[in-house]
Amino acid sequence: MKSRSLMVFALLAAAACGGKKPAEAPAPAPAPTPAAPIDSTAIKARMRQDSINAADARARAAAELQAQLSAQLTAMINFDFDKSDIMPGDMANLDRKAAILMANPSLRIQIAGNCDNRGSDEYNLALGNRRAAAAQRYLINKGVSAGQLSIVSYGEERPVNPADNEAAWAQNRNDQFMPTAGGNNLMAPK
């Protein structure tokens, strides 16, 4: 019986040892490849193009700002028939002009008063002058230097719309603002 037990034990041991495959060792890592040579010419060209692109973006932003400031500065205001009072809707327009003028002390503008074609030439010249003077007073009261402003009246001589109807007349009752000096490189108000 002893030999039988020994035989069973030997069979079990052989089965236990022979049934499993030995674990495979991991493959060795490939040797690192040498880095590609650095192309300094390409890097310099890319840096140069990035610099050009950034300068172009700054120039476009500056041109856009100049266009916005110029549009705000030259935006017209309008008047009711036979009136020279600043309308409440135009006060914000004049406030933006005042801020631009104060941020640019070398800027000078001319305010041109205009009328529709109803009334005599003399009357319309006087009314256009009152309209230009009203805008001038408003800007001075907001802190703009009087030396930055000049006024002129064109009466009915320079219509925006030459038609002879109420819509055209409403457009022609205006003050127009034109830079006369220092309007090329405007600084934004703070």
N, C-alpha and C. Protein backbone atom coordinates (compact mmCIF):
# COMPACT_ATOMS: atom_id res chain seq x y z
N MET A 1 0.80 -1.15 0.00
CA MET A 1 0.00 0.00 0.00
C MET A 1 0.86 1.25 0.00
N LYS A 2 1.95 1.09 0.60
CA LYS A 2 2.85 2.21 0.65
C LYS A 2 3.31 2.55 -0.75
N SER A 3 3.52 1.59 -1.55
CA SER A 3 3.99 1.86 -2.88
C SER A 3 2.88 2.49 -3.72
N ARG A 4 1.66 2.07 -3.44
CA ARG A 4 0.57 2.67 -4.17
C ARG A 4 0.43 4.14 -3.79
N SER A 5 0.52 4.49 -2.60
CA SER A 5 0.42 5.87 -2.16
C SER A 5 1.55 6.69 -2.74
N LEU A 6 2.66 6.06 -2.82
CA LEU A 6 3.80 6.76 -3.36
C LEU A 6 3.59 7.02 -4.85
N MET A 7 3.02 6.08 -5.50
CA MET A 7 2.76 6.22 -6.91
C MET A 7 1.71 7.31 -7.17
N VAL A 8 0.66 7.36 -6.41
CA VAL A 8 -0.37 8.39 -6.55
C VAL A 8 0.25 9.75 -6.28
N PHE A 9 1.05 9.81 -5.29
CA PHE A 9 1.70 11.09 -4.97
C PHE A 9 2.59 11.54 -6.12
N ALA A 10 3.35 10.60 -6.72
CA ALA A 10 4.25 10.93 -7.81
C ALA A 10 3.46 11.38 -9.03
N LEU A 11 2.33 10.72 -9.31
CA LEU A 11 1.50 11.12 -10.43
C LEU A 11 0.93 12.52 -10.22
N LEU A 12 0.46 12.77 -9.04
CA LEU A 12 -0.09 14.10 -8.73
C LEU A 12 0.99 15.18 -8.84
N ALA A 13 2.17 14.86 -8.38
CA ALA A 13 3.26 15.85 -8.45
C ALA A 13 3.65 16.09 -9.89
N ALA A 14 3.70 15.04 -10.69
CA ALA A 14 4.08 15.19 -12.09
C ALA A 14 3.02 15.99 -12.83
N ALA A 15 1.75 15.70 -12.51
CA ALA A 15 0.67 16.43 -13.19
C ALA A 15 0.71 17.91 -12.81
N ALA A 16 1.00 18.17 -11.59
CA ALA A 16 1.04 19.56 -11.12
C ALA A 16 2.20 20.31 -11.75
N CYS A 17 3.30 19.67 -11.91
CA CYS A 17 4.47 20.35 -12.45
C CYS A 17 4.43 20.43 -13.97
N GLY A 18 3.93 19.48 -14.61
CA GLY A 18 4.02 19.46 -16.05
C GLY A 18 2.87 20.17 -16.75
N GLY A 19 1.80 20.56 -16.10
CA GLY A 19 0.63 21.13 -16.75
C GLY A 19 0.75 22.61 -17.06
N LYS A 20 1.60 23.32 -16.45
CA LYS A 20 1.70 24.76 -16.66
C LYS A 20 2.91 25.09 -17.49
N LYS A 21 2.73 26.08 -18.36
CA LYS A 21 3.86 26.57 -19.13
C LYS A 21 4.58 27.62 -18.30
N PRO A 22 5.86 27.68 -18.44
CA PRO A 22 6.58 28.72 -17.69
C PRO A 22 6.23 30.10 -18.26
N ALA A 23 6.17 31.08 -17.40
CA ALA A 23 5.85 32.46 -17.81
C ALA A 23 6.95 32.98 -18.71
N GLU A 24 6.51 33.69 -19.78
CA GLU A 24 7.49 34.25 -20.70
C GLU A 24 8.01 35.58 -20.17
N ALA A 25 9.25 35.78 -20.36
CA ALA A 25 9.86 37.04 -19.94
C ALA A 25 9.44 38.12 -20.94
N PRO A 26 9.17 39.34 -20.45
CA PRO A 26 8.78 40.41 -21.36
C PRO A 26 9.90 40.71 -22.35
N ALA A 27 9.49 41.10 -23.53
CA ALA A 27 10.47 41.43 -24.56
C ALA A 27 11.22 42.68 -24.13
N PRO A 28 12.46 42.75 -24.44
CA PRO A 28 13.22 43.95 -24.05
C PRO A 28 12.70 45.16 -24.82
N ALA A 29 12.68 46.31 -24.15
CA ALA A 29 12.22 47.57 -24.77
C ALA A 29 13.17 47.94 -25.89
N PRO A 30 12.60 48.47 -26.99
CA PRO A 30 13.50 48.85 -28.09
C PRO A 30 14.39 50.00 -27.65
N ALA A 31 15.53 50.03 -28.20
CA ALA A 31 16.48 51.09 -27.86
C ALA A 31 15.92 52.41 -28.40
N PRO A 32 16.04 53.50 -27.63
CA PRO A 32 15.51 54.78 -28.09
C PRO A 32 16.20 55.20 -29.39
N THR A 33 15.34 55.76 -30.28
CA THR A 33 15.92 56.24 -31.54
C THR A 33 16.46 57.64 -31.32
N PRO A 34 17.47 57.99 -31.98
CA PRO A 34 18.01 59.34 -31.80
C PRO A 34 16.99 60.37 -32.31
N ALA A 35 16.89 61.53 -31.62
CA ALA A 35 15.95 62.60 -31.99
C ALA A 35 16.33 63.14 -33.36
N ALA A 36 15.27 63.54 -34.08
CA ALA A 36 15.52 64.13 -35.39
C ALA A 36 16.26 65.44 -35.19
N PRO A 37 17.08 65.80 -36.10
CA PRO A 37 17.80 67.06 -35.95
C PRO A 37 16.82 68.24 -35.95
N ILE A 38 17.10 69.24 -35.17
CA ILE A 38 16.25 70.43 -35.07
C ILE A 38 16.50 71.31 -36.29
N ASP A 39 15.39 71.69 -36.96
CA ASP A 39 15.48 72.55 -38.14
C ASP A 39 15.29 73.98 -37.68
N SER A 40 16.37 74.66 -37.34
CA SER A 40 16.27 76.02 -36.81
C SER A 40 15.73 76.99 -37.85
N THR A 41 15.92 76.73 -39.11
CA THR A 41 15.39 77.61 -40.15
C THR A 41 13.87 77.59 -40.13
N ALA A 42 13.29 76.39 -40.01
CA ALA A 42 11.83 76.27 -39.96
C ALA A 42 11.28 76.93 -38.70
N ILE A 43 11.96 76.75 -37.58
CA ILE A 43 11.51 77.36 -36.32
C ILE A 43 11.55 78.88 -36.44
N LYS A 44 12.62 79.42 -37.00
CA LYS A 44 12.73 80.87 -37.17
C LYS A 44 11.66 81.38 -38.12
N ALA A 45 11.38 80.65 -39.19
CA ALA A 45 10.35 81.07 -40.14
C ALA A 45 8.98 81.07 -39.47
N ARG A 46 8.70 80.04 -38.66
CA ARG A 46 7.42 79.96 -37.96
C ARG A 46 7.30 81.10 -36.95
N MET A 47 8.37 81.40 -36.22
CA MET A 47 8.35 82.49 -35.25
C MET A 47 8.14 83.84 -35.96
N ARG A 48 8.77 84.01 -37.11
CA ARG A 48 8.62 85.24 -37.87
C ARG A 48 7.18 85.40 -38.35
N GLN A 49 6.59 84.31 -38.86
CA GLN A 49 5.21 84.37 -39.33
C GLN A 49 4.25 84.64 -38.17
N ASP A 50 4.50 84.03 -37.01
CA ASP A 50 3.68 84.30 -35.82
C ASP A 50 3.76 85.77 -35.44
N SER A 51 4.95 86.34 -35.52
CA SER A 51 5.14 87.75 -35.19
C SER A 51 4.41 88.64 -36.19
N ILE A 52 4.47 88.28 -37.47
CA ILE A 52 3.77 89.05 -38.51
C ILE A 52 2.26 88.96 -38.29
N ASN A 53 1.77 87.75 -38.00
CA ASN A 53 0.33 87.57 -37.76
C ASN A 53 -0.14 88.40 -36.56
N ALA A 54 0.66 88.42 -35.50
CA ALA A 54 0.29 89.20 -34.31
C ALA A 54 0.29 90.69 -34.63
N ALA A 55 1.27 91.15 -35.38
CA ALA A 55 1.32 92.58 -35.76
C ALA A 55 0.13 92.93 -36.65
N ASP A 56 -0.22 92.04 -37.57
CA ASP A 56 -1.39 92.28 -38.42
C ASP A 56 -2.66 92.37 -37.59
N ALA A 57 -2.80 91.49 -36.61
CA ALA A 57 -3.99 91.50 -35.75
C ALA A 57 -4.06 92.80 -34.96
N ARG A 58 -2.91 93.25 -34.45
CA ARG A 58 -2.90 94.53 -33.71
C ARG A 58 -3.25 95.69 -34.63
N ALA A 59 -2.74 95.67 -35.85
CA ALA A 59 -3.04 96.75 -36.81
C ALA A 59 -4.52 96.75 -37.17
N ARG A 60 -5.11 95.56 -37.36
CA ARG A 60 -6.54 95.49 -37.68
C ARG A 60 -7.37 96.01 -36.51
N ALA A 61 -6.98 95.64 -35.29
CA ALA A 61 -7.72 96.11 -34.11
C ALA A 61 -7.61 97.63 -33.97
N ALA A 62 -6.42 98.17 -34.22
CA ALA A 62 -6.23 99.63 -34.13
C ALA A 62 -7.04 100.34 -35.21
N ALA A 63 -7.06 99.79 -36.42
CA ALA A 63 -7.84 100.41 -37.51
C ALA A 63 -9.33 100.35 -37.20
N GLU A 64 -9.77 99.24 -36.62
CA GLU A 64 -11.19 99.12 -36.25
C GLU A 64 -11.55 100.13 -35.17
N LEU A 65 -10.68 100.29 -34.18
CA LEU A 65 -10.92 101.28 -33.13
C LEU A 65 -10.98 102.68 -33.72
N GLN A 66 -10.06 103.01 -34.63
CA GLN A 66 -10.06 104.33 -35.26
C GLN A 66 -11.36 104.56 -36.02
N ALA A 67 -11.82 103.52 -36.73
CA ALA A 67 -13.07 103.64 -37.49
C ALA A 67 -14.26 103.87 -36.55
N GLN A 68 -14.28 103.15 -35.43
CA GLN A 68 -15.38 103.32 -34.47
C GLN A 68 -15.36 104.71 -33.86
N LEU A 69 -14.20 105.18 -33.44
CA LEU A 69 -14.09 106.51 -32.85
C LEU A 69 -14.46 107.59 -33.87
N SER A 70 -14.00 107.44 -35.10
CA SER A 70 -14.33 108.40 -36.14
C SER A 70 -15.83 108.42 -36.42
N ALA A 71 -16.45 107.24 -36.46
CA ALA A 71 -17.90 107.17 -36.70
C ALA A 71 -18.67 107.85 -35.56
N GLN A 72 -18.23 107.64 -34.32
CA GLN A 72 -18.90 108.28 -33.19
C GLN A 72 -18.71 109.79 -33.23
N LEU A 73 -17.52 110.21 -33.61
CA LEU A 73 -17.21 111.64 -33.64
C LEU A 73 -18.00 112.36 -34.74
N THR A 74 -18.21 111.71 -35.87
CA THR A 74 -18.86 112.38 -37.00
C THR A 74 -20.36 112.08 -37.10
N ALA A 75 -20.90 111.30 -36.19
CA ALA A 75 -22.34 110.99 -36.25
C ALA A 75 -23.15 112.28 -36.08
N MET A 76 -24.15 112.43 -36.94
CA MET A 76 -24.99 113.63 -36.92
C MET A 76 -25.98 113.58 -35.76
N ILE A 77 -26.46 114.74 -35.40
CA ILE A 77 -27.62 114.84 -34.51
C ILE A 77 -28.70 115.56 -35.31
N ASN A 78 -29.95 115.36 -34.94
CA ASN A 78 -31.06 115.95 -35.67
C ASN A 78 -31.89 116.85 -34.78
N PHE A 79 -32.72 117.67 -35.42
CA PHE A 79 -33.54 118.65 -34.71
C PHE A 79 -34.99 118.57 -35.18
N ASP A 80 -35.87 118.99 -34.32
CA ASP A 80 -37.28 119.11 -34.70
C ASP A 80 -37.44 120.34 -35.60
N PHE A 81 -38.56 120.41 -36.28
CA PHE A 81 -38.85 121.52 -37.19
C PHE A 81 -38.79 122.85 -36.45
N ASP A 82 -38.02 123.78 -36.98
CA ASP A 82 -37.91 125.14 -36.48
C ASP A 82 -37.40 125.20 -35.04
N LYS A 83 -36.61 124.21 -34.62
CA LYS A 83 -36.07 124.15 -33.25
C LYS A 83 -34.55 124.03 -33.31
N SER A 84 -33.93 124.46 -32.20
CA SER A 84 -32.48 124.30 -32.06
C SER A 84 -32.13 123.63 -30.74
N ASP A 85 -33.14 123.04 -30.09
CA ASP A 85 -32.90 122.35 -28.81
C ASP A 85 -32.34 120.95 -29.09
N ILE A 86 -31.37 120.55 -28.26
CA ILE A 86 -30.81 119.20 -28.37
C ILE A 86 -31.90 118.22 -27.92
N MET A 87 -32.17 117.23 -28.76
CA MET A 87 -33.19 116.23 -28.41
C MET A 87 -32.59 115.21 -27.44
N PRO A 88 -33.39 114.71 -26.50
CA PRO A 88 -32.87 113.75 -25.52
C PRO A 88 -32.17 112.54 -26.16
N GLY A 89 -32.67 112.07 -27.29
CA GLY A 89 -32.05 110.93 -27.95
C GLY A 89 -30.66 111.21 -28.49
N ASP A 90 -30.32 112.49 -28.68
CA ASP A 90 -29.01 112.85 -29.21
C ASP A 90 -27.99 113.19 -28.12
N MET A 91 -28.43 113.24 -26.88
CA MET A 91 -27.51 113.58 -25.79
C MET A 91 -26.42 112.52 -25.62
N ALA A 92 -26.77 111.24 -25.74
CA ALA A 92 -25.77 110.17 -25.62
C ALA A 92 -24.74 110.28 -26.75
N ASN A 93 -25.19 110.64 -27.93
CA ASN A 93 -24.31 110.85 -29.08
C ASN A 93 -23.31 111.96 -28.75
N LEU A 94 -23.79 113.07 -28.22
CA LEU A 94 -22.92 114.19 -27.86
C LEU A 94 -22.01 113.83 -26.69
N ASP A 95 -22.50 113.02 -25.75
CA ASP A 95 -21.66 112.58 -24.63
C ASP A 95 -20.46 111.77 -25.13
N ARG A 96 -20.67 110.89 -26.12
CA ARG A 96 -19.57 110.12 -26.70
C ARG A 96 -18.57 111.05 -27.39
N LYS A 97 -19.08 112.05 -28.09
CA LYS A 97 -18.21 113.03 -28.75
C LYS A 97 -17.37 113.78 -27.70
N ALA A 98 -18.01 114.17 -26.61
CA ALA A 98 -17.30 114.90 -25.55
C ALA A 98 -16.16 114.04 -24.99
N ALA A 99 -16.43 112.77 -24.74
CA ALA A 99 -15.39 111.88 -24.20
C ALA A 99 -14.23 111.75 -25.18
N ILE A 100 -14.52 111.61 -26.45
CA ILE A 100 -13.45 111.50 -27.46
C ILE A 100 -12.65 112.80 -27.53
N LEU A 101 -13.34 113.93 -27.53
CA LEU A 101 -12.65 115.22 -27.59
C LEU A 101 -11.76 115.43 -26.36
N MET A 102 -12.23 115.06 -25.19
CA MET A 102 -11.42 115.25 -23.97
C MET A 102 -10.23 114.29 -23.94
N ALA A 103 -10.37 113.11 -24.56
CA ALA A 103 -9.25 112.16 -24.61
C ALA A 103 -8.22 112.55 -25.66
N ASN A 104 -8.58 113.49 -26.54
CA ASN A 104 -7.70 113.91 -27.64
C ASN A 104 -7.63 115.43 -27.69
N PRO A 105 -6.84 116.04 -26.80
CA PRO A 105 -6.82 117.50 -26.70
C PRO A 105 -6.38 118.22 -27.97
N SER A 106 -5.66 117.55 -28.87
CA SER A 106 -5.25 118.22 -30.11
C SER A 106 -6.31 118.10 -31.20
N LEU A 107 -7.39 117.38 -30.93
CA LEU A 107 -8.47 117.21 -31.88
C LEU A 107 -9.32 118.48 -31.95
N ARG A 108 -9.62 118.91 -33.16
CA ARG A 108 -10.49 120.07 -33.39
C ARG A 108 -11.61 119.61 -34.32
N ILE A 109 -12.83 120.06 -34.03
CA ILE A 109 -13.95 119.72 -34.92
C ILE A 109 -14.74 120.98 -35.27
N GLN A 110 -15.37 120.90 -36.42
CA GLN A 110 -16.28 121.94 -36.86
C GLN A 110 -17.70 121.37 -36.76
N ILE A 111 -18.59 122.14 -36.18
CA ILE A 111 -19.99 121.76 -36.06
C ILE A 111 -20.75 122.59 -37.09
N ALA A 112 -21.39 121.92 -38.04
CA ALA A 112 -22.11 122.60 -39.11
C ALA A 112 -23.60 122.43 -38.90
N GLY A 113 -24.31 123.55 -38.70
CA GLY A 113 -25.75 123.54 -38.55
C GLY A 113 -26.44 123.57 -39.90
N ASN A 114 -27.46 122.73 -40.06
CA ASN A 114 -28.17 122.62 -41.33
C ASN A 114 -29.67 122.65 -41.11
N CYS A 115 -30.39 123.02 -42.17
CA CYS A 115 -31.85 123.16 -42.10
C CYS A 115 -32.48 122.50 -43.32
N ASP A 116 -33.79 122.30 -43.25
CA ASP A 116 -34.50 121.87 -44.46
C ASP A 116 -34.73 123.10 -45.34
N ASN A 117 -35.35 122.90 -46.49
CA ASN A 117 -35.46 124.00 -47.44
C ASN A 117 -36.69 124.89 -47.24
N ARG A 118 -37.39 124.74 -46.14
CA ARG A 118 -38.52 125.63 -45.86
C ARG A 118 -38.01 126.85 -45.11
N GLY A 119 -38.48 127.98 -45.42
CA GLY A 119 -38.03 129.22 -44.79
C GLY A 119 -37.08 129.95 -45.71
N SER A 120 -36.84 131.23 -45.38
CA SER A 120 -35.96 132.05 -46.21
C SER A 120 -34.50 131.65 -45.99
N ASP A 121 -33.66 132.03 -46.91
CA ASP A 121 -32.23 131.74 -46.78
C ASP A 121 -31.66 132.34 -45.51
N GLU A 122 -32.02 133.60 -45.23
CA GLU A 122 -31.51 134.28 -44.04
C GLU A 122 -31.97 133.59 -42.76
N TYR A 123 -33.26 133.24 -42.74
CA TYR A 123 -33.80 132.58 -41.55
C TYR A 123 -33.09 131.24 -41.33
N ASN A 124 -32.91 130.45 -42.39
CA ASN A 124 -32.29 129.14 -42.27
C ASN A 124 -30.82 129.23 -41.88
N LEU A 125 -30.11 130.25 -42.35
CA LEU A 125 -28.72 130.44 -41.91
C LEU A 125 -28.66 130.74 -40.41
N ALA A 126 -29.58 131.59 -39.94
CA ALA A 126 -29.61 131.90 -38.51
C ALA A 126 -30.01 130.67 -37.69
N LEU A 127 -30.98 129.89 -38.16
CA LEU A 127 -31.40 128.68 -37.44
C LEU A 127 -30.27 127.64 -37.43
N GLY A 128 -29.58 127.48 -38.54
CA GLY A 128 -28.44 126.56 -38.59
C GLY A 128 -27.35 126.97 -37.61
N ASN A 129 -27.14 128.27 -37.47
CA ASN A 129 -26.15 128.77 -36.52
C ASN A 129 -26.58 128.46 -35.08
N ARG A 130 -27.87 128.66 -34.78
CA ARG A 130 -28.36 128.35 -33.43
C ARG A 130 -28.20 126.86 -33.13
N ARG A 131 -28.44 126.01 -34.12
CA ARG A 131 -28.31 124.56 -33.93
C ARG A 131 -26.85 124.17 -33.66
N ALA A 132 -25.92 124.74 -34.43
CA ALA A 132 -24.51 124.44 -34.21
C ALA A 132 -24.06 124.96 -32.84
N ALA A 133 -24.53 126.16 -32.47
CA ALA A 133 -24.17 126.74 -31.17
C ALA A 133 -24.74 125.92 -30.02
N ALA A 134 -25.92 125.32 -30.21
CA ALA A 134 -26.50 124.48 -29.15
C ALA A 134 -25.63 123.26 -28.89
N ALA A 135 -25.15 122.61 -29.94
CA ALA A 135 -24.26 121.46 -29.76
C ALA A 135 -22.93 121.90 -29.14
N GLN A 136 -22.42 123.05 -29.58
CA GLN A 136 -21.18 123.57 -29.02
C GLN A 136 -21.32 123.81 -27.51
N ARG A 137 -22.42 124.46 -27.10
CA ARG A 137 -22.65 124.72 -25.67
C ARG A 137 -22.74 123.41 -24.90
N TYR A 138 -23.45 122.44 -25.43
CA TYR A 138 -23.61 121.15 -24.76
C TYR A 138 -22.23 120.52 -24.52
N LEU A 139 -21.39 120.50 -25.55
CA LEU A 139 -20.07 119.88 -25.42
C LEU A 139 -19.19 120.64 -24.42
N ILE A 140 -19.25 121.97 -24.45
CA ILE A 140 -18.46 122.76 -23.50
C ILE A 140 -18.95 122.48 -22.07
N ASN A 141 -20.26 122.39 -21.89
CA ASN A 141 -20.80 122.08 -20.56
C ASN A 141 -20.39 120.69 -20.08
N LYS A 142 -20.03 119.80 -20.98
CA LYS A 142 -19.55 118.46 -20.63
C LYS A 142 -18.05 118.44 -20.36
N GLY A 143 -17.38 119.58 -20.54
CA GLY A 143 -15.96 119.67 -20.21
C GLY A 143 -15.02 119.81 -21.40
N VAL A 144 -15.56 119.88 -22.61
CA VAL A 144 -14.72 120.03 -23.79
C VAL A 144 -14.20 121.47 -23.85
N SER A 145 -12.95 121.62 -24.24
CA SER A 145 -12.36 122.96 -24.39
C SER A 145 -13.02 123.68 -25.56
N ALA A 146 -13.39 124.94 -25.34
CA ALA A 146 -14.01 125.74 -26.40
C ALA A 146 -13.07 125.89 -27.60
N GLY A 147 -11.76 125.83 -27.37
CA GLY A 147 -10.79 125.94 -28.46
C GLY A 147 -10.81 124.76 -29.41
N GLN A 148 -11.44 123.67 -29.00
CA GLN A 148 -11.52 122.49 -29.87
C GLN A 148 -12.71 122.55 -30.82
N LEU A 149 -13.57 123.54 -30.64
CA LEU A 149 -14.83 123.57 -31.37
C LEU A 149 -14.98 124.85 -32.18
N SER A 150 -15.45 124.70 -33.40
CA SER A 150 -15.84 125.87 -34.19
C SER A 150 -17.20 125.55 -34.81
N ILE A 151 -17.93 126.60 -35.13
CA ILE A 151 -19.27 126.38 -35.70
C ILE A 151 -19.41 127.13 -37.02
N VAL A 152 -20.30 126.60 -37.84
CA VAL A 152 -20.63 127.22 -39.11
C VAL A 152 -22.08 126.85 -39.42
N SER A 153 -22.77 127.69 -40.16
CA SER A 153 -24.13 127.38 -40.59
C SER A 153 -24.16 127.32 -42.12
N TYR A 154 -24.76 126.26 -42.61
CA TYR A 154 -24.96 126.14 -44.06
C TYR A 154 -26.42 126.33 -44.42
N GLY A 155 -27.26 126.59 -43.43
CA GLY A 155 -28.68 126.78 -43.71
C GLY A 155 -29.23 125.59 -44.47
N GLU A 156 -29.81 125.86 -45.63
CA GLU A 156 -30.39 124.79 -46.45
C GLU A 156 -29.49 124.41 -47.61
N GLU A 157 -28.25 124.92 -47.63
CA GLU A 157 -27.35 124.74 -48.77
C GLU A 157 -26.81 123.33 -48.96
N ARG A 158 -26.74 122.52 -47.93
CA ARG A 158 -26.13 121.18 -48.03
C ARG A 158 -27.09 120.11 -47.52
N PRO A 159 -28.13 119.83 -48.28
CA PRO A 159 -29.08 118.81 -47.81
C PRO A 159 -28.49 117.40 -47.86
N VAL A 160 -28.83 116.60 -46.87
CA VAL A 160 -28.46 115.19 -46.86
C VAL A 160 -29.33 114.44 -47.87
N ASN A 161 -30.58 114.82 -47.93
CA ASN A 161 -31.55 114.20 -48.84
C ASN A 161 -32.23 115.32 -49.62
N PRO A 162 -32.06 115.37 -50.93
CA PRO A 162 -32.61 116.48 -51.71
C PRO A 162 -34.12 116.38 -52.00
N ALA A 163 -34.76 115.31 -51.58
CA ALA A 163 -36.21 115.17 -51.84
C ALA A 163 -36.98 116.27 -51.11
N ASP A 164 -38.22 116.45 -51.52
CA ASP A 164 -39.04 117.52 -50.94
C ASP A 164 -40.24 116.88 -50.23
N ASN A 165 -39.94 116.21 -49.12
CA ASN A 165 -41.00 115.57 -48.32
C ASN A 165 -40.56 115.55 -46.86
N GLU A 166 -41.48 115.15 -45.99
CA GLU A 166 -41.20 115.21 -44.55
C GLU A 166 -40.00 114.35 -44.14
N ALA A 167 -39.86 113.16 -44.73
CA ALA A 167 -38.72 112.30 -44.38
C ALA A 167 -37.39 112.98 -44.73
N ALA A 168 -37.33 113.60 -45.90
CA ALA A 168 -36.11 114.30 -46.31
C ALA A 168 -35.87 115.52 -45.44
N TRP A 169 -36.92 116.27 -45.17
CA TRP A 169 -36.77 117.46 -44.32
C TRP A 169 -36.23 117.08 -42.93
N ALA A 170 -36.73 115.98 -42.38
CA ALA A 170 -36.26 115.53 -41.06
C ALA A 170 -34.77 115.19 -41.09
N GLN A 171 -34.30 114.57 -42.18
CA GLN A 171 -32.88 114.24 -42.31
C GLN A 171 -32.02 115.50 -42.47
N ASN A 172 -32.57 116.51 -43.11
CA ASN A 172 -31.80 117.72 -43.41
C ASN A 172 -31.71 118.69 -42.23
N ARG A 173 -32.51 118.49 -41.20
CA ARG A 173 -32.44 119.32 -39.99
C ARG A 173 -31.42 118.68 -39.06
N ASN A 174 -30.14 119.06 -39.20
CA ASN A 174 -29.09 118.35 -38.46
C ASN A 174 -27.91 119.25 -38.13
N ASP A 175 -27.06 118.71 -37.28
CA ASP A 175 -25.71 119.21 -37.08
C ASP A 175 -24.77 118.11 -37.56
N GLN A 176 -23.78 118.51 -38.34
CA GLN A 176 -22.76 117.58 -38.81
C GLN A 176 -21.44 117.95 -38.14
N PHE A 177 -20.63 116.94 -37.85
CA PHE A 177 -19.38 117.13 -37.10
C PHE A 177 -18.23 116.65 -37.97
N MET A 178 -17.27 117.55 -38.21
CA MET A 178 -16.15 117.23 -39.08
C MET A 178 -14.84 117.56 -38.38
N PRO A 179 -13.92 116.58 -38.25
CA PRO A 179 -12.61 116.90 -37.68
C PRO A 179 -11.86 117.87 -38.60
N THR A 180 -11.26 118.87 -38.01
CA THR A 180 -10.46 119.83 -38.78
C THR A 180 -8.98 119.71 -38.45
N ALA A 181 -8.64 119.06 -37.34
CA ALA A 181 -7.24 118.83 -36.96
C ALA A 181 -7.20 117.70 -35.93
N GLY A 182 -6.13 116.92 -35.99
CA GLY A 182 -5.89 115.89 -34.98
C GLY A 182 -6.81 114.69 -35.05
N GLY A 183 -7.47 114.46 -36.16
CA GLY A 183 -8.42 113.36 -36.24
C GLY A 183 -7.87 112.08 -36.82
N ASN A 184 -6.56 112.02 -37.07
CA ASN A 184 -5.98 110.84 -37.72
C ASN A 184 -5.62 109.71 -36.78
N ASN A 185 -5.26 109.99 -35.56
CA ASN A 185 -4.82 108.95 -34.64
C ASN A 185 -5.52 109.16 -33.29
N LEU A 186 -6.78 108.85 -33.25
CA LEU A 186 -7.59 109.14 -32.06
C LEU A 186 -7.31 108.14 -30.94
N MET A 187 -7.27 108.66 -29.74
CA MET A 187 -7.14 107.83 -28.54
C MET A 187 -8.54 107.56 -28.00
N ALA A 188 -8.75 106.34 -27.55
CA ALA A 188 -10.05 105.98 -26.97
C ALA A 188 -10.19 106.63 -25.60
N PRO A 189 -11.41 107.07 -25.27
CA PRO A 189 -11.62 107.61 -23.91
C PRO A 189 -11.42 106.53 -22.87
N LYS A 190 -11.01 106.91 -21.68
CA LYS A 190 -10.79 105.94 -20.60
C LYS A 190 -12.02 105.80 -19.76
